[in-house]
Amino acid sequence: MSPWGFVRACYEACIAYELWTRGLNVETQVALPLVYEAVRIDAGYRIDMMVAGVLIVEIKAVSEITPIHKAQLLSYLRLSGLRVGLLLNFNVVRLRDGLTRMVN
């Protein structure tokens, strides 16, 4: 939960709406299958948000971004074939302090 008391899903919905009103294509909770030996396996992976088909956004409301959060985003980048991702942590006083950019 963030300092404002909202859970992650609230931030996801608001960001998606803001990006959509600015004309960007935004998909939320995008299923990301695992491909193993040419077989698609639904391993339960879900990307919080994909923007314009080129950017993955993972939204958090945690006390700190840990290596597991970064590993999750890096895994999503590798599985999807996309190059750029953002981790947004809303449990900070200044949003820029909760922003982590990652490149595959």
N, C-alpha and C. Protein backbone atom coordinates (compact mmCIF):
# COMPACT_ATOMS: atom_id res chain seq x y z
N MET A 1 0.84 -1.17 0.00
CA MET A 1 0.00 0.00 0.00
C MET A 1 0.89 1.24 0.00
N SER A 2 0.47 2.26 -0.67
CA SER A 2 1.25 3.47 -0.81
C SER A 2 0.97 4.45 0.33
N PRO A 3 1.74 5.56 0.40
CA PRO A 3 1.48 6.56 1.43
C PRO A 3 0.08 7.15 1.34
N TRP A 4 -0.53 7.09 0.16
CA TRP A 4 -1.88 7.63 -0.01
C TRP A 4 -2.95 6.60 0.29
N GLY A 5 -2.55 5.37 0.54
CA GLY A 5 -3.49 4.35 0.95
C GLY A 5 -4.11 3.54 -0.17
N PHE A 6 -3.66 3.72 -1.38
CA PHE A 6 -4.22 2.98 -2.50
C PHE A 6 -3.42 1.72 -2.77
N VAL A 7 -4.07 0.72 -3.30
CA VAL A 7 -3.38 -0.50 -3.70
C VAL A 7 -2.94 -0.36 -5.15
N ARG A 8 -2.05 -1.23 -5.56
CA ARG A 8 -1.44 -1.19 -6.88
C ARG A 8 -2.46 -1.11 -8.02
N ALA A 9 -3.54 -1.84 -7.92
CA ALA A 9 -4.54 -1.89 -8.99
C ALA A 9 -5.16 -0.51 -9.26
N CYS A 10 -5.30 0.30 -8.24
CA CYS A 10 -5.84 1.66 -8.44
C CYS A 10 -4.90 2.49 -9.29
N TYR A 11 -3.61 2.40 -9.00
CA TYR A 11 -2.63 3.16 -9.79
C TYR A 11 -2.61 2.66 -11.24
N GLU A 12 -2.69 1.36 -11.41
CA GLU A 12 -2.69 0.79 -12.76
C GLU A 12 -3.86 1.34 -13.57
N ALA A 13 -5.03 1.35 -13.00
CA ALA A 13 -6.22 1.83 -13.72
C ALA A 13 -6.10 3.32 -14.06
N CYS A 14 -5.60 4.12 -13.13
CA CYS A 14 -5.47 5.56 -13.37
C CYS A 14 -4.41 5.87 -14.42
N ILE A 15 -3.27 5.19 -14.35
CA ILE A 15 -2.22 5.42 -15.34
C ILE A 15 -2.70 4.99 -16.72
N ALA A 16 -3.36 3.84 -16.81
CA ALA A 16 -3.88 3.37 -18.09
C ALA A 16 -4.84 4.39 -18.68
N TYR A 17 -5.71 4.92 -17.85
CA TYR A 17 -6.67 5.93 -18.31
C TYR A 17 -5.95 7.18 -18.82
N GLU A 18 -4.97 7.67 -18.07
CA GLU A 18 -4.23 8.87 -18.46
C GLU A 18 -3.49 8.67 -19.78
N LEU A 19 -2.86 7.53 -19.94
CA LEU A 19 -2.15 7.26 -21.19
C LEU A 19 -3.13 7.12 -22.36
N TRP A 20 -4.24 6.45 -22.11
CA TRP A 20 -5.26 6.28 -23.15
C TRP A 20 -5.82 7.63 -23.60
N THR A 21 -6.08 8.54 -22.65
CA THR A 21 -6.62 9.86 -23.02
C THR A 21 -5.61 10.69 -23.80
N ARG A 22 -4.35 10.31 -23.72
CA ARG A 22 -3.30 10.99 -24.50
C ARG A 22 -3.04 10.29 -25.84
N GLY A 23 -3.90 9.35 -26.18
CA GLY A 23 -3.84 8.72 -27.49
C GLY A 23 -2.93 7.51 -27.60
N LEU A 24 -2.43 7.01 -26.49
CA LEU A 24 -1.56 5.84 -26.53
C LEU A 24 -2.36 4.55 -26.40
N ASN A 25 -1.91 3.53 -27.09
CA ASN A 25 -2.53 2.21 -26.97
C ASN A 25 -2.01 1.56 -25.68
N VAL A 26 -2.90 1.25 -24.77
CA VAL A 26 -2.51 0.68 -23.48
C VAL A 26 -3.29 -0.61 -23.25
N GLU A 27 -2.55 -1.67 -22.92
CA GLU A 27 -3.17 -2.94 -22.55
C GLU A 27 -2.78 -3.22 -21.10
N THR A 28 -3.73 -3.72 -20.32
CA THR A 28 -3.43 -4.06 -18.93
C THR A 28 -3.62 -5.55 -18.71
N GLN A 29 -2.87 -6.07 -17.74
CA GLN A 29 -2.92 -7.47 -17.36
C GLN A 29 -2.80 -8.39 -18.58
N VAL A 30 -1.73 -8.17 -19.33
CA VAL A 30 -1.48 -8.91 -20.57
C VAL A 30 -0.87 -10.27 -20.23
N ALA A 31 -1.54 -11.33 -20.66
CA ALA A 31 -1.03 -12.68 -20.44
C ALA A 31 0.28 -12.86 -21.21
N LEU A 32 1.26 -13.45 -20.54
CA LEU A 32 2.57 -13.67 -21.15
C LEU A 32 2.92 -15.15 -21.03
N PRO A 33 2.72 -15.89 -22.12
CA PRO A 33 2.98 -17.33 -22.05
C PRO A 33 4.49 -17.63 -22.06
N LEU A 34 4.82 -18.76 -21.55
CA LEU A 34 6.18 -19.27 -21.59
C LEU A 34 6.24 -20.25 -22.74
N VAL A 35 7.24 -20.13 -23.62
CA VAL A 35 7.38 -21.05 -24.74
C VAL A 35 8.54 -21.98 -24.43
N TYR A 36 8.22 -23.26 -24.34
CA TYR A 36 9.21 -24.27 -24.01
C TYR A 36 9.15 -25.38 -25.05
N GLU A 37 10.24 -25.59 -25.76
CA GLU A 37 10.30 -26.59 -26.83
C GLU A 37 9.12 -26.45 -27.79
N ALA A 38 8.89 -25.23 -28.23
CA ALA A 38 7.84 -24.88 -29.20
C ALA A 38 6.43 -25.08 -28.67
N VAL A 39 6.28 -25.22 -27.36
CA VAL A 39 4.96 -25.38 -26.76
C VAL A 39 4.68 -24.15 -25.90
N ARG A 40 3.51 -23.53 -26.13
CA ARG A 40 3.10 -22.38 -25.31
C ARG A 40 2.51 -22.89 -24.00
N ILE A 41 3.09 -22.43 -22.91
CA ILE A 41 2.64 -22.84 -21.58
C ILE A 41 2.14 -21.62 -20.84
N ASP A 42 0.91 -21.69 -20.35
CA ASP A 42 0.38 -20.60 -19.54
C ASP A 42 0.89 -20.79 -18.12
N ALA A 43 1.95 -20.04 -17.79
CA ALA A 43 2.57 -20.14 -16.47
C ALA A 43 2.00 -19.12 -15.49
N GLY A 44 0.99 -18.38 -15.92
CA GLY A 44 0.35 -17.41 -15.04
C GLY A 44 1.02 -16.05 -15.03
N TYR A 45 1.99 -15.81 -15.93
CA TYR A 45 2.64 -14.50 -15.99
C TYR A 45 1.69 -13.48 -16.58
N ARG A 46 1.65 -12.30 -15.96
CA ARG A 46 0.82 -11.21 -16.46
C ARG A 46 1.61 -9.91 -16.37
N ILE A 47 1.68 -9.22 -17.49
CA ILE A 47 2.31 -7.90 -17.52
C ILE A 47 1.28 -6.90 -17.03
N ASP A 48 1.65 -6.07 -16.07
CA ASP A 48 0.70 -5.08 -15.55
C ASP A 48 0.19 -4.18 -16.67
N MET A 49 1.13 -3.66 -17.48
CA MET A 49 0.72 -2.73 -18.52
C MET A 49 1.71 -2.78 -19.68
N MET A 50 1.18 -2.81 -20.90
CA MET A 50 2.00 -2.70 -22.09
C MET A 50 1.54 -1.45 -22.83
N VAL A 51 2.49 -0.57 -23.11
CA VAL A 51 2.17 0.72 -23.74
C VAL A 51 2.70 0.72 -25.17
N ALA A 52 1.80 0.96 -26.09
CA ALA A 52 2.12 1.09 -27.52
C ALA A 52 2.85 -0.13 -28.07
N GLY A 53 2.71 -1.27 -27.42
CA GLY A 53 3.35 -2.49 -27.87
C GLY A 53 4.87 -2.50 -27.76
N VAL A 54 5.45 -1.50 -27.07
CA VAL A 54 6.91 -1.41 -26.99
C VAL A 54 7.45 -1.22 -25.57
N LEU A 55 6.60 -0.93 -24.61
CA LEU A 55 7.05 -0.64 -23.26
C LEU A 55 6.26 -1.45 -22.24
N ILE A 56 6.97 -2.13 -21.35
CA ILE A 56 6.33 -2.83 -20.24
C ILE A 56 6.41 -1.95 -19.01
N VAL A 57 5.29 -1.80 -18.32
CA VAL A 57 5.25 -1.05 -17.08
C VAL A 57 4.77 -1.98 -15.98
N GLU A 58 5.60 -2.15 -14.96
CA GLU A 58 5.22 -2.93 -13.79
C GLU A 58 5.00 -1.96 -12.65
N ILE A 59 3.86 -2.07 -12.01
CA ILE A 59 3.46 -1.13 -10.97
C ILE A 59 3.54 -1.80 -9.61
N LYS A 60 4.16 -1.10 -8.69
CA LYS A 60 4.32 -1.60 -7.32
C LYS A 60 3.87 -0.53 -6.34
N ALA A 61 3.53 -0.98 -5.14
CA ALA A 61 3.26 -0.09 -4.01
C ALA A 61 3.88 -0.78 -2.79
N VAL A 62 5.23 -0.83 -2.80
CA VAL A 62 5.99 -1.57 -1.81
C VAL A 62 6.96 -0.62 -1.10
N SER A 63 7.48 -1.06 0.04
CA SER A 63 8.38 -0.20 0.80
C SER A 63 9.68 0.07 0.06
N GLU A 64 10.14 -0.89 -0.74
CA GLU A 64 11.32 -0.68 -1.57
C GLU A 64 11.32 -1.67 -2.72
N ILE A 65 11.93 -1.25 -3.82
CA ILE A 65 12.12 -2.15 -4.95
C ILE A 65 13.28 -3.08 -4.61
N THR A 66 13.03 -4.37 -4.72
CA THR A 66 14.05 -5.37 -4.38
C THR A 66 14.55 -6.05 -5.66
N PRO A 67 15.62 -6.82 -5.55
CA PRO A 67 16.12 -7.52 -6.73
C PRO A 67 15.08 -8.43 -7.39
N ILE A 68 14.16 -8.99 -6.63
CA ILE A 68 13.13 -9.86 -7.21
C ILE A 68 12.19 -9.08 -8.12
N HIS A 69 11.90 -7.83 -7.78
CA HIS A 69 11.06 -6.99 -8.64
C HIS A 69 11.77 -6.72 -9.97
N LYS A 70 13.07 -6.43 -9.89
CA LYS A 70 13.85 -6.19 -11.10
C LYS A 70 13.95 -7.47 -11.94
N ALA A 71 14.14 -8.59 -11.28
CA ALA A 71 14.22 -9.87 -11.99
C ALA A 71 12.90 -10.19 -12.70
N GLN A 72 11.79 -9.86 -12.06
CA GLN A 72 10.48 -10.08 -12.67
C GLN A 72 10.36 -9.28 -13.96
N LEU A 73 10.70 -8.00 -13.91
CA LEU A 73 10.60 -7.17 -15.10
C LEU A 73 11.56 -7.65 -16.18
N LEU A 74 12.77 -8.00 -15.82
CA LEU A 74 13.72 -8.49 -16.80
C LEU A 74 13.22 -9.78 -17.44
N SER A 75 12.62 -10.66 -16.66
CA SER A 75 12.03 -11.89 -17.22
C SER A 75 10.93 -11.57 -18.21
N TYR A 76 10.07 -10.62 -17.87
CA TYR A 76 8.99 -10.23 -18.76
C TYR A 76 9.54 -9.64 -20.06
N LEU A 77 10.61 -8.85 -19.95
CA LEU A 77 11.21 -8.30 -21.16
C LEU A 77 11.76 -9.40 -22.05
N ARG A 78 12.43 -10.36 -21.45
CA ARG A 78 13.01 -11.47 -22.23
C ARG A 78 11.93 -12.33 -22.87
N LEU A 79 10.90 -12.67 -22.10
CA LEU A 79 9.83 -13.52 -22.63
C LEU A 79 9.04 -12.84 -23.74
N SER A 80 8.85 -11.53 -23.60
CA SER A 80 8.05 -10.79 -24.58
C SER A 80 8.85 -10.36 -25.80
N GLY A 81 10.16 -10.31 -25.66
CA GLY A 81 10.99 -9.82 -26.76
C GLY A 81 11.06 -8.31 -26.82
N LEU A 82 10.49 -7.63 -25.84
CA LEU A 82 10.55 -6.17 -25.80
C LEU A 82 11.85 -5.73 -25.14
N ARG A 83 12.25 -4.49 -25.40
CA ARG A 83 13.55 -4.01 -24.92
C ARG A 83 13.48 -3.14 -23.67
N VAL A 84 12.41 -2.37 -23.48
CA VAL A 84 12.39 -1.37 -22.41
C VAL A 84 11.24 -1.62 -21.45
N GLY A 85 11.54 -1.45 -20.16
CA GLY A 85 10.51 -1.59 -19.13
C GLY A 85 10.71 -0.58 -18.03
N LEU A 86 9.63 -0.27 -17.35
CA LEU A 86 9.66 0.64 -16.21
C LEU A 86 9.05 -0.04 -14.99
N LEU A 87 9.71 0.13 -13.87
CA LEU A 87 9.13 -0.24 -12.58
C LEU A 87 8.69 1.06 -11.94
N LEU A 88 7.41 1.15 -11.58
CA LEU A 88 6.90 2.34 -10.91
C LEU A 88 6.46 1.93 -9.51
N ASN A 89 7.14 2.47 -8.51
CA ASN A 89 6.77 2.19 -7.12
C ASN A 89 6.09 3.43 -6.55
N PHE A 90 4.85 3.28 -6.15
CA PHE A 90 4.09 4.40 -5.64
C PHE A 90 4.20 4.58 -4.13
N ASN A 91 4.98 3.76 -3.48
CA ASN A 91 5.16 3.89 -2.03
C ASN A 91 6.38 4.77 -1.73
N VAL A 92 6.40 5.94 -2.34
CA VAL A 92 7.48 6.91 -2.16
C VAL A 92 6.86 8.30 -2.04
N VAL A 93 7.63 9.22 -1.46
CA VAL A 93 7.14 10.59 -1.33
C VAL A 93 7.14 11.29 -2.68
N ARG A 94 8.25 11.14 -3.43
CA ARG A 94 8.36 11.72 -4.77
C ARG A 94 8.38 10.59 -5.78
N LEU A 95 7.49 10.64 -6.75
CA LEU A 95 7.37 9.55 -7.72
C LEU A 95 8.68 9.27 -8.43
N ARG A 96 9.47 10.28 -8.72
CA ARG A 96 10.74 10.04 -9.42
C ARG A 96 11.68 9.15 -8.62
N ASP A 97 11.50 9.11 -7.30
CA ASP A 97 12.30 8.22 -6.46
C ASP A 97 11.85 6.76 -6.58
N GLY A 98 10.67 6.55 -7.12
CA GLY A 98 10.14 5.20 -7.28
C GLY A 98 10.21 4.69 -8.71
N LEU A 99 10.95 5.38 -9.56
CA LEU A 99 11.02 5.03 -10.98
C LEU A 99 12.33 4.32 -11.28
N THR A 100 12.23 3.12 -11.88
CA THR A 100 13.40 2.36 -12.30
C THR A 100 13.20 1.96 -13.76
N ARG A 101 14.14 2.34 -14.60
CA ARG A 101 14.09 1.99 -16.03
C ARG A 101 15.03 0.82 -16.26
N MET A 102 14.57 -0.16 -17.02
CA MET A 102 15.40 -1.32 -17.34
C MET A 102 15.36 -1.58 -18.84
N VAL A 103 16.51 -2.04 -19.35
CA VAL A 103 16.62 -2.35 -20.77
C VAL A 103 17.12 -3.78 -20.90
N ASN A 104 16.51 -4.54 -21.79
CA ASN A 104 16.91 -5.92 -22.04
C ASN A 104 18.03 -5.92 -23.08
